[in-house]
Amino acid sequence: MSNKLADQQQLVLEVATRRRPALIAGQVVSAGQWFAALKATVMLVRLGMPEVLALLNVPPDSQGALVTEAARRRRSRALGCDR
């Protein structure tokens, strides 16, 4: 296991056991809010957020092709035809 992954797992445990404050953007939040934000982030990543994030660094005239390719990949995954 990488050190980064182990560090993140330790952070989750410390927030869960209240040994470390739950922070979002430098603001203290409840552990429930922190875990809700973590859950939402994981859901976005699993639903294809990397394809959306790629759009942030692409000129507007190139975004259409990326959106089309991302949609094609999602359809392929949904049909079980990963290519």
PDB file of N, CA and C in Angstrom:
ATOM      1  N   MET A   1       0.855  -1.178   0.000  1.00  0.00           N
ATOM      2  CA  MET A   1       0.000   0.000   0.000  1.00  0.00           C
ATOM      3  C   MET A   1       0.896   1.235   0.000  1.00  0.00           C
ATOM      4  N   SER A   2       0.510   2.236  -0.796  1.00  0.00           N
ATOM      5  CA  SER A   2       1.323   3.444  -0.855  1.00  0.00           C
ATOM      6  C   SER A   2       1.171   4.262   0.426  1.00  0.00           C
ATOM      7  N   ASN A   3       2.181   5.078   0.705  1.00  0.00           N
ATOM      8  CA  ASN A   3       2.120   5.935   1.884  1.00  0.00           C
ATOM      9  C   ASN A   3       0.959   6.916   1.797  1.00  0.00           C
ATOM     10  N   LYS A   4       0.689   7.432   0.587  1.00  0.00           N
ATOM     11  CA  LYS A   4      -0.404   8.400   0.432  1.00  0.00           C
ATOM     12  C   LYS A   4      -1.747   7.770   0.782  1.00  0.00           C
ATOM     13  N   LEU A   5      -1.969   6.542   0.305  1.00  0.00           N
ATOM     14  CA  LEU A   5      -3.221   5.854   0.612  1.00  0.00           C
ATOM     15  C   LEU A   5      -3.333   5.588   2.105  1.00  0.00           C
ATOM     16  N   ALA A   6      -2.252   5.135   2.708  1.00  0.00           N
ATOM     17  CA  ALA A   6      -2.255   4.878   4.153  1.00  0.00           C
ATOM     18  C   ALA A   6      -2.517   6.173   4.930  1.00  0.00           C
ATOM     19  N   ASP A   7      -1.940   7.273   4.488  1.00  0.00           N
ATOM     20  CA  ASP A   7      -2.170   8.568   5.153  1.00  0.00           C
ATOM     21  C   ASP A   7      -3.639   8.971   5.056  1.00  0.00           C
ATOM     22  N   GLN A   8      -4.254   8.748   3.896  1.00  0.00           N
ATOM     23  CA  GLN A   8      -5.661   9.105   3.730  1.00  0.00           C
ATOM     24  C   GLN A   8      -6.562   8.206   4.575  1.00  0.00           C
ATOM     25  N   GLN A   9      -6.219   6.920   4.655  1.00  0.00           N
ATOM     26  CA  GLN A   9      -6.983   6.015   5.513  1.00  0.00           C
ATOM     27  C   GLN A   9      -6.864   6.424   6.977  1.00  0.00           C
ATOM     28  N   GLN A  10      -5.687   6.860   7.373  1.00  0.00           N
ATOM     29  CA  GLN A  10      -5.483   7.328   8.745  1.00  0.00           C
ATOM     30  C   GLN A  10      -6.314   8.575   9.013  1.00  0.00           C
ATOM     31  N   LEU A  11      -6.363   9.484   8.035  1.00  0.00           N
ATOM     32  CA  LEU A  11      -7.171  10.697   8.176  1.00  0.00           C
ATOM     33  C   LEU A  11      -8.647  10.341   8.390  1.00  0.00           C
ATOM     34  N   VAL A  12      -9.165   9.422   7.592  1.00  0.00           N
ATOM     35  CA  VAL A  12     -10.562   9.003   7.732  1.00  0.00           C
ATOM     36  C   VAL A  12     -10.806   8.442   9.126  1.00  0.00           C
ATOM     37  N   LEU A  13      -9.907   7.600   9.610  1.00  0.00           N
ATOM     38  CA  LEU A  13     -10.064   7.023  10.948  1.00  0.00           C
ATOM     39  C   LEU A  13     -10.019   8.090  12.032  1.00  0.00           C
ATOM     40  N   GLU A  14      -9.127   9.056  11.880  1.00  0.00           N
ATOM     41  CA  GLU A  14      -9.008  10.109  12.890  1.00  0.00           C
ATOM     42  C   GLU A  14     -10.232  11.018  12.905  1.00  0.00           C
ATOM     43  N   VAL A  15     -10.793  11.303  11.752  1.00  0.00           N
ATOM     44  CA  VAL A  15     -12.019  12.104  11.716  1.00  0.00           C
ATOM     45  C   VAL A  15     -13.165  11.300  12.330  1.00  0.00           C
ATOM     46  N   ALA A  16     -13.250  10.011  11.968  1.00  0.00           N
ATOM     47  CA  ALA A  16     -14.330   9.164  12.482  1.00  0.00           C
ATOM     48  C   ALA A  16     -14.288   9.036  13.997  1.00  0.00           C
ATOM     49  N   THR A  17     -13.091   8.997  14.555  1.00  0.00           N
ATOM     50  CA  THR A  17     -12.952   8.852  16.009  1.00  0.00           C
ATOM     51  C   THR A  17     -12.802  10.199  16.716  1.00  0.00           C
ATOM     52  N   ARG A  18     -12.938  11.264  15.966  1.00  0.00           N
ATOM     53  CA  ARG A  18     -12.879  12.638  16.480  1.00  0.00           C
ATOM     54  C   ARG A  18     -11.535  12.995  17.111  1.00  0.00           C
ATOM     55  N   ARG A  19     -10.488  12.336  16.650  1.00  0.00           N
ATOM     56  CA  ARG A  19      -9.147  12.695  17.100  1.00  0.00           C
ATOM     57  C   ARG A  19      -8.569  13.811  16.253  1.00  0.00           C
ATOM     58  N   ARG A  20      -9.235  14.109  15.150  1.00  0.00           N
ATOM     59  CA  ARG A  20      -8.799  15.184  14.263  1.00  0.00           C
ATOM     60  C   ARG A  20     -10.055  15.940  13.824  1.00  0.00           C
ATOM     61  N   PRO A  21      -9.978  17.283  13.749  1.00  0.00           N
ATOM     62  CA  PRO A  21     -11.160  18.029  13.303  1.00  0.00           C
ATOM     63  C   PRO A  21     -11.453  17.739  11.827  1.00  0.00           C
ATOM     64  N   ALA A  22     -12.723  17.716  11.509  1.00  0.00           N
ATOM     65  CA  ALA A  22     -13.145  17.526  10.122  1.00  0.00           C
ATOM     66  C   ALA A  22     -13.102  18.888   9.439  1.00  0.00           C
ATOM     67  N   LEU A  23     -12.270  19.004   8.418  1.00  0.00           N
ATOM     68  CA  LEU A  23     -12.098  20.281   7.727  1.00  0.00           C
ATOM     69  C   LEU A  23     -12.515  20.162   6.266  1.00  0.00           C
ATOM     70  N   ILE A  24     -13.245  21.152   5.780  1.00  0.00           N
ATOM     71  CA  ILE A  24     -13.544  21.297   4.358  1.00  0.00           C
ATOM     72  C   ILE A  24     -13.180  22.728   3.997  1.00  0.00           C
ATOM     73  N   ALA A  25     -12.248  22.869   3.087  1.00  0.00           N
ATOM     74  CA  ALA A  25     -11.767  24.183   2.651  1.00  0.00           C
ATOM     75  C   ALA A  25     -11.315  25.030   3.841  1.00  0.00           C
ATOM     76  N   GLY A  26     -10.672  24.380   4.804  1.00  0.00           N
ATOM     77  CA  GLY A  26     -10.135  25.087   5.957  1.00  0.00           C
ATOM     78  C   GLY A  26     -11.153  25.415   7.037  1.00  0.00           C
ATOM     79  N   GLN A  27     -12.400  25.028   6.839  1.00  0.00           N
ATOM     80  CA  GLN A  27     -13.458  25.303   7.820  1.00  0.00           C
ATOM     81  C   GLN A  27     -13.806  24.025   8.577  1.00  0.00           C
ATOM     82  N   VAL A  28     -13.954  24.134   9.884  1.00  0.00           N
ATOM     83  CA  VAL A  28     -14.349  22.976  10.687  1.00  0.00           C
ATOM     84  C   VAL A  28     -15.818  22.680  10.423  1.00  0.00           C
ATOM     85  N   VAL A  29     -16.100  21.416  10.126  1.00  0.00           N
ATOM     86  CA  VAL A  29     -17.476  20.948   9.906  1.00  0.00           C
ATOM     87  C   VAL A  29     -17.691  19.718  10.776  1.00  0.00           C
ATOM     88  N   SER A  30     -18.922  19.279  10.855  1.00  0.00           N
ATOM     89  CA  SER A  30     -19.187  18.066  11.628  1.00  0.00           C
ATOM     90  C   SER A  30     -18.640  16.860  10.867  1.00  0.00           C
ATOM     91  N   ALA A  31     -18.397  15.781  11.610  1.00  0.00           N
ATOM     92  CA  ALA A  31     -17.916  14.560  10.955  1.00  0.00           C
ATOM     93  C   ALA A  31     -18.938  14.083   9.923  1.00  0.00           C
ATOM     94  N   GLY A  32     -20.216  14.236  10.218  1.00  0.00           N
ATOM     95  CA  GLY A  32     -21.265  13.842   9.273  1.00  0.00           C
ATOM     96  C   GLY A  32     -21.181  14.619   7.974  1.00  0.00           C
ATOM     97  N   GLN A  33     -20.951  15.924   8.076  1.00  0.00           N
ATOM     98  CA  GLN A  33     -20.806  16.742   6.875  1.00  0.00           C
ATOM     99  C   GLN A  33     -19.559  16.341   6.095  1.00  0.00           C
ATOM    100  N   TRP A  34     -18.486  16.066   6.810  1.00  0.00           N
ATOM    101  CA  TRP A  34     -17.235  15.691   6.161  1.00  0.00           C
ATOM    102  C   TRP A  34     -17.395  14.390   5.392  1.00  0.00           C
ATOM    103  N   PHE A  35     -18.044  13.398   6.047  1.00  0.00           N
ATOM    104  CA  PHE A  35     -18.241  12.117   5.373  1.00  0.00           C
ATOM    105  C   PHE A  35     -19.231  12.242   4.213  1.00  0.00           C
ATOM    106  N   ALA A  36     -20.223  13.124   4.327  1.00  0.00           N
ATOM    107  CA  ALA A  36     -21.148  13.342   3.207  1.00  0.00           C
ATOM    108  C   ALA A  36     -20.405  13.930   2.007  1.00  0.00           C
ATOM    109  N   ALA A  37     -19.488  14.859   2.267  1.00  0.00           N
ATOM    110  CA  ALA A  37     -18.689  15.440   1.180  1.00  0.00           C
ATOM    111  C   ALA A  37     -17.766  14.394   0.573  1.00  0.00           C
ATOM    112  N   LEU A  38     -17.173  13.546   1.417  1.00  0.00           N
ATOM    113  CA  LEU A  38     -16.315  12.469   0.924  1.00  0.00           C
ATOM    114  C   LEU A  38     -17.120  11.503   0.058  1.00  0.00           C
ATOM    115  N   LYS A  39     -18.303  11.140   0.510  1.00  0.00           N
ATOM    116  CA  LYS A  39     -19.164  10.230  -0.248  1.00  0.00           C
ATOM    117  C   LYS A  39     -19.539  10.836  -1.602  1.00  0.00           C
ATOM    118  N   ALA A  40     -19.900  12.116  -1.614  1.00  0.00           N
ATOM    119  CA  ALA A  40     -20.265  12.782  -2.867  1.00  0.00           C
ATOM    120  C   ALA A  40     -19.082  12.829  -3.831  1.00  0.00           C
ATOM    121  N   THR A  41     -17.907  13.088  -3.302  1.00  0.00           N
ATOM    122  CA  THR A  41     -16.704  13.136  -4.137  1.00  0.00           C
ATOM    123  C   THR A  41     -16.424  11.774  -4.763  1.00  0.00           C
ATOM    124  N   VAL A  42     -16.526  10.734  -3.960  1.00  0.00           N
ATOM    125  CA  VAL A  42     -16.287   9.379  -4.469  1.00  0.00           C
ATOM    126  C   VAL A  42     -17.315   9.025  -5.544  1.00  0.00           C
ATOM    127  N   MET A  43     -18.569   9.403  -5.326  1.00  0.00           N
ATOM    128  CA  MET A  43     -19.597   9.112  -6.332  1.00  0.00           C
ATOM    129  C   MET A  43     -19.288   9.815  -7.647  1.00  0.00           C
ATOM    130  N   LEU A  44     -18.857  11.065  -7.594  1.00  0.00           N
ATOM    131  CA  LEU A  44     -18.521  11.788  -8.821  1.00  0.00           C
ATOM    132  C   LEU A  44     -17.355  11.139  -9.553  1.00  0.00           C
ATOM    133  N   VAL A  45     -16.355  10.727  -8.809  1.00  0.00           N
ATOM    134  CA  VAL A  45     -15.203  10.077  -9.431  1.00  0.00           C
ATOM    135  C   VAL A  45     -15.631   8.767 -10.090  1.00  0.00           C
ATOM    136  N   ARG A  46     -16.434   7.995  -9.394  1.00  0.00           N
ATOM    137  CA  ARG A  46     -16.871   6.701  -9.947  1.00  0.00           C
ATOM    138  C   ARG A  46     -17.789   6.872 -11.145  1.00  0.00           C
ATOM    139  N   LEU A  47     -18.493   7.986 -11.244  1.00  0.00           N
ATOM    140  CA  LEU A  47     -19.414   8.217 -12.358  1.00  0.00           C
ATOM    141  C   LEU A  47     -18.744   8.868 -13.560  1.00  0.00           C
ATOM    142  N   GLY A  48     -17.460   9.051 -13.521  1.00  0.00           N
ATOM    143  CA  GLY A  48     -16.772   9.569 -14.691  1.00  0.00           C
ATOM    144  C   GLY A  48     -16.258  10.982 -14.558  1.00  0.00           C
ATOM    145  N   MET A  49     -16.110  11.451 -13.357  1.00  0.00           N
ATOM    146  CA  MET A  49     -15.607  12.799 -13.148  1.00  0.00           C
ATOM    147  C   MET A  49     -14.262  13.052 -13.823  1.00  0.00           C
ATOM    148  N   PRO A  50     -13.376  12.057 -13.950  1.00  0.00           N
ATOM    149  CA  PRO A  50     -12.106  12.339 -14.633  1.00  0.00           C
ATOM    150  C   PRO A  50     -12.327  12.890 -16.045  1.00  0.00           C
ATOM    151  N   GLU A  51     -13.372  12.419 -16.718  1.00  0.00           N
ATOM    152  CA  GLU A  51     -13.652  12.940 -18.053  1.00  0.00           C
ATOM    153  C   GLU A  51     -14.116  14.400 -17.981  1.00  0.00           C
ATOM    154  N   VAL A  52     -14.845  14.738 -16.934  1.00  0.00           N
ATOM    155  CA  VAL A  52     -15.306  16.117 -16.769  1.00  0.00           C
ATOM    156  C   VAL A  52     -14.134  17.014 -16.393  1.00  0.00           C
ATOM    157  N   LEU A  53     -13.287  16.536 -15.493  1.00  0.00           N
ATOM    158  CA  LEU A  53     -12.140  17.335 -15.080  1.00  0.00           C
ATOM    159  C   LEU A  53     -11.224  17.651 -16.253  1.00  0.00           C
ATOM    160  N   ALA A  54     -11.127  16.726 -17.193  1.00  0.00           N
ATOM    161  CA  ALA A  54     -10.273  16.956 -18.361  1.00  0.00           C
ATOM    162  C   ALA A  54     -10.735  18.176 -19.155  1.00  0.00           C
ATOM    163  N   LEU A  55     -12.008  18.481 -19.085  1.00  0.00           N
ATOM    164  CA  LEU A  55     -12.540  19.625 -19.830  1.00  0.00           C
ATOM    165  C   LEU A  55     -12.028  20.964 -19.291  1.00  0.00           C
ATOM    166  N   LEU A  56     -11.607  20.987 -18.055  1.00  0.00           N
ATOM    167  CA  LEU A  56     -11.193  22.245 -17.443  1.00  0.00           C
ATOM    168  C   LEU A  56      -9.932  22.822 -18.063  1.00  0.00           C
ATOM    169  N   ASN A  57      -9.080  21.983 -18.617  1.00  0.00           N
ATOM    170  CA  ASN A  57      -7.818  22.441 -19.186  1.00  0.00           C
ATOM    171  C   ASN A  57      -7.803  22.389 -20.709  1.00  0.00           C
ATOM    172  N   VAL A  58      -8.981  22.352 -21.315  1.00  0.00           N
ATOM    173  CA  VAL A  58      -9.079  22.229 -22.766  1.00  0.00           C
ATOM    174  C   VAL A  58      -9.735  23.486 -23.324  1.00  0.00           C
ATOM    175  N   PRO A  59      -9.210  24.013 -24.424  1.00  0.00           N
ATOM    176  CA  PRO A  59      -9.843  25.183 -25.042  1.00  0.00           C
ATOM    177  C   PRO A  59     -11.299  24.880 -25.408  1.00  0.00           C
ATOM    178  N   PRO A  60     -12.188  25.869 -25.303  1.00  0.00           N
ATOM    179  CA  PRO A  60     -13.614  25.647 -25.575  1.00  0.00           C
ATOM    180  C   PRO A  60     -13.886  24.995 -26.932  1.00  0.00           C
ATOM    181  N   ASP A  61     -13.106  25.319 -27.954  1.00  0.00           N
ATOM    182  CA  ASP A  61     -13.380  24.745 -29.268  1.00  0.00           C
ATOM    183  C   ASP A  61     -13.064  23.255 -29.337  1.00  0.00           C
ATOM    184  N   SER A  62     -12.348  22.706 -28.356  1.00  0.00           N
ATOM    185  CA  SER A  62     -12.007  21.282 -28.332  1.00  0.00           C
ATOM    186  C   SER A  62     -12.912  20.483 -27.403  1.00  0.00           C
ATOM    187  N   GLN A  63     -13.730  21.155 -26.613  1.00  0.00           N
ATOM    188  CA  GLN A  63     -14.523  20.460 -25.608  1.00  0.00           C
ATOM    189  C   GLN A  63     -15.580  19.548 -26.220  1.00  0.00           C
ATOM    190  N   GLY A  64     -16.130  19.915 -27.360  1.00  0.00           N
ATOM    191  CA  GLY A  64     -17.174  19.097 -27.977  1.00  0.00           C
ATOM    192  C   GLY A  64     -16.693  17.690 -28.257  1.00  0.00           C
ATOM    193  N   ALA A  65     -15.487  17.554 -28.795  1.00  0.00           N
ATOM    194  CA  ALA A  65     -14.946  16.232 -29.101  1.00  0.00           C
ATOM    195  C   ALA A  65     -14.733  15.426 -27.822  1.00  0.00           C
ATOM    196  N   LEU A  66     -14.272  16.079 -26.756  1.00  0.00           N
ATOM    197  CA  LEU A  66     -14.069  15.365 -25.494  1.00  0.00           C
ATOM    198  C   LEU A  66     -15.390  14.906 -24.897  1.00  0.00           C
ATOM    199  N   VAL A  67     -16.406  15.747 -24.971  1.00  0.00           N
ATOM    200  CA  VAL A  67     -17.718  15.373 -24.443  1.00  0.00           C
ATOM    201  C   VAL A  67     -18.264  14.182 -25.222  1.00  0.00           C
ATOM    202  N   THR A  68     -18.119  14.211 -26.540  1.00  0.00           N
ATOM    203  CA  THR A  68     -18.587  13.109 -27.374  1.00  0.00           C
ATOM    204  C   THR A  68     -17.859  11.817 -27.025  1.00  0.00           C
ATOM    205  N   GLU A  69     -16.545  11.888 -26.862  1.00  0.00           N
ATOM    206  CA  GLU A  69     -15.755  10.698 -26.519  1.00  0.00           C
ATOM    207  C   GLU A  69     -16.136  10.182 -25.138  1.00  0.00           C
ATOM    208  N   ALA A  70     -16.343  11.067 -24.174  1.00  0.00           N
ATOM    209  CA  ALA A  70     -16.733  10.646 -22.826  1.00  0.00           C
ATOM    210  C   ALA A  70     -18.085   9.939 -22.870  1.00  0.00           C
ATOM    211  N   ALA A  71     -19.021  10.459 -23.643  1.00  0.00           N
ATOM    212  CA  ALA A  71     -20.335   9.828 -23.769  1.00  0.00           C
ATOM    213  C   ALA A  71     -20.207   8.450 -24.419  1.00  0.00           C
ATOM    214  N   ARG A  72     -19.358   8.329 -25.433  1.00  0.00           N
ATOM    215  CA  ARG A  72     -19.151   7.042 -26.100  1.00  0.00           C
ATOM    216  C   ARG A  72     -18.595   6.022 -25.108  1.00  0.00           C
ATOM    217  N   ARG A  73     -17.652   6.447 -24.284  1.00  0.00           N
ATOM    218  CA  ARG A  73     -17.052   5.539 -23.306  1.00  0.00           C
ATOM    219  C   ARG A  73     -18.078   5.093 -22.267  1.00  0.00           C
ATOM    220  N   ARG A  74     -18.923   6.033 -21.809  1.00  0.00           N
ATOM    221  CA  ARG A  74     -19.951   5.665 -20.833  1.00  0.00           C
ATOM    222  C   ARG A  74     -20.921   4.654 -21.429  1.00  0.00           C
ATOM    223  N   ARG A  75     -21.332   4.865 -22.685  1.00  0.00           N
ATOM    224  CA  ARG A  75     -22.235   3.911 -23.346  1.00  0.00           C
ATOM    225  C   ARG A  75     -21.563   2.549 -23.463  1.00  0.00           C
ATOM    226  N   SER A  76     -20.291   2.528 -23.841  1.00  0.00           N
ATOM    227  CA  SER A  76     -19.569   1.259 -23.979  1.00  0.00           C
ATOM    228  C   SER A  76     -19.497   0.532 -22.644  1.00  0.00           C
ATOM    229  N   ARG A  77     -19.202   1.271 -21.577  1.00  0.00           N
ATOM    230  CA  ARG A  77     -19.141   0.640 -20.247  1.00  0.00           C
ATOM    231  C   ARG A  77     -20.507   0.094 -19.853  1.00  0.00           C
ATOM    232  N   ALA A  78     -21.553   0.881 -20.120  1.00  0.00           N
ATOM    233  CA  ALA A  78     -22.909   0.452 -19.754  1.00  0.00           C
ATOM    234  C   ALA A  78     -23.299  -0.827 -20.499  1.00  0.00           C
ATOM    235  N   LEU A  79     -22.813  -0.974 -21.713  1.00  0.00           N
ATOM    236  CA  LEU A  79     -23.129  -2.156 -22.516  1.00  0.00           C
ATOM    237  C   LEU A  79     -22.153  -3.296 -22.271  1.00  0.00           C
ATOM    238  N   GLY A  80     -21.143  -3.048 -21.437  1.00  0.00           N
ATOM    239  CA  GLY A  80     -20.142  -4.075 -21.145  1.00  0.00           C
ATOM    240  C   GLY A  80     -19.158  -4.278 -22.274  1.00  0.00           C
ATOM    241  N   CYS A  81     -18.957  -3.230 -23.069  1.00  0.00           N
ATOM    242  CA  CYS A  81     -18.060  -3.319 -24.225  1.00  0.00           C
ATOM    243  C   CYS A  81     -16.859  -2.420 -24.037  1.00  0.00           C
ATOM    244  N   ASP A  82     -16.220  -2.479 -22.882  1.00  0.00           N
ATOM    245  CA  ASP A  82     -15.056  -1.596 -22.639  1.00  0.00           C
ATOM    246  C   ASP A  82     -14.025  -1.761 -23.743  1.00  0.00           C
ATOM    247  N   ARG A  83     -13.674  -0.647 -24.367  1.00  0.00           N
ATOM    248  CA  ARG A  83     -12.670  -0.665 -25.430  1.00  0.00           C
ATOM    249  C   ARG A  83     -11.578   0.304 -25.097  1.00  0.00           C
TER     250      ARG A  83
END
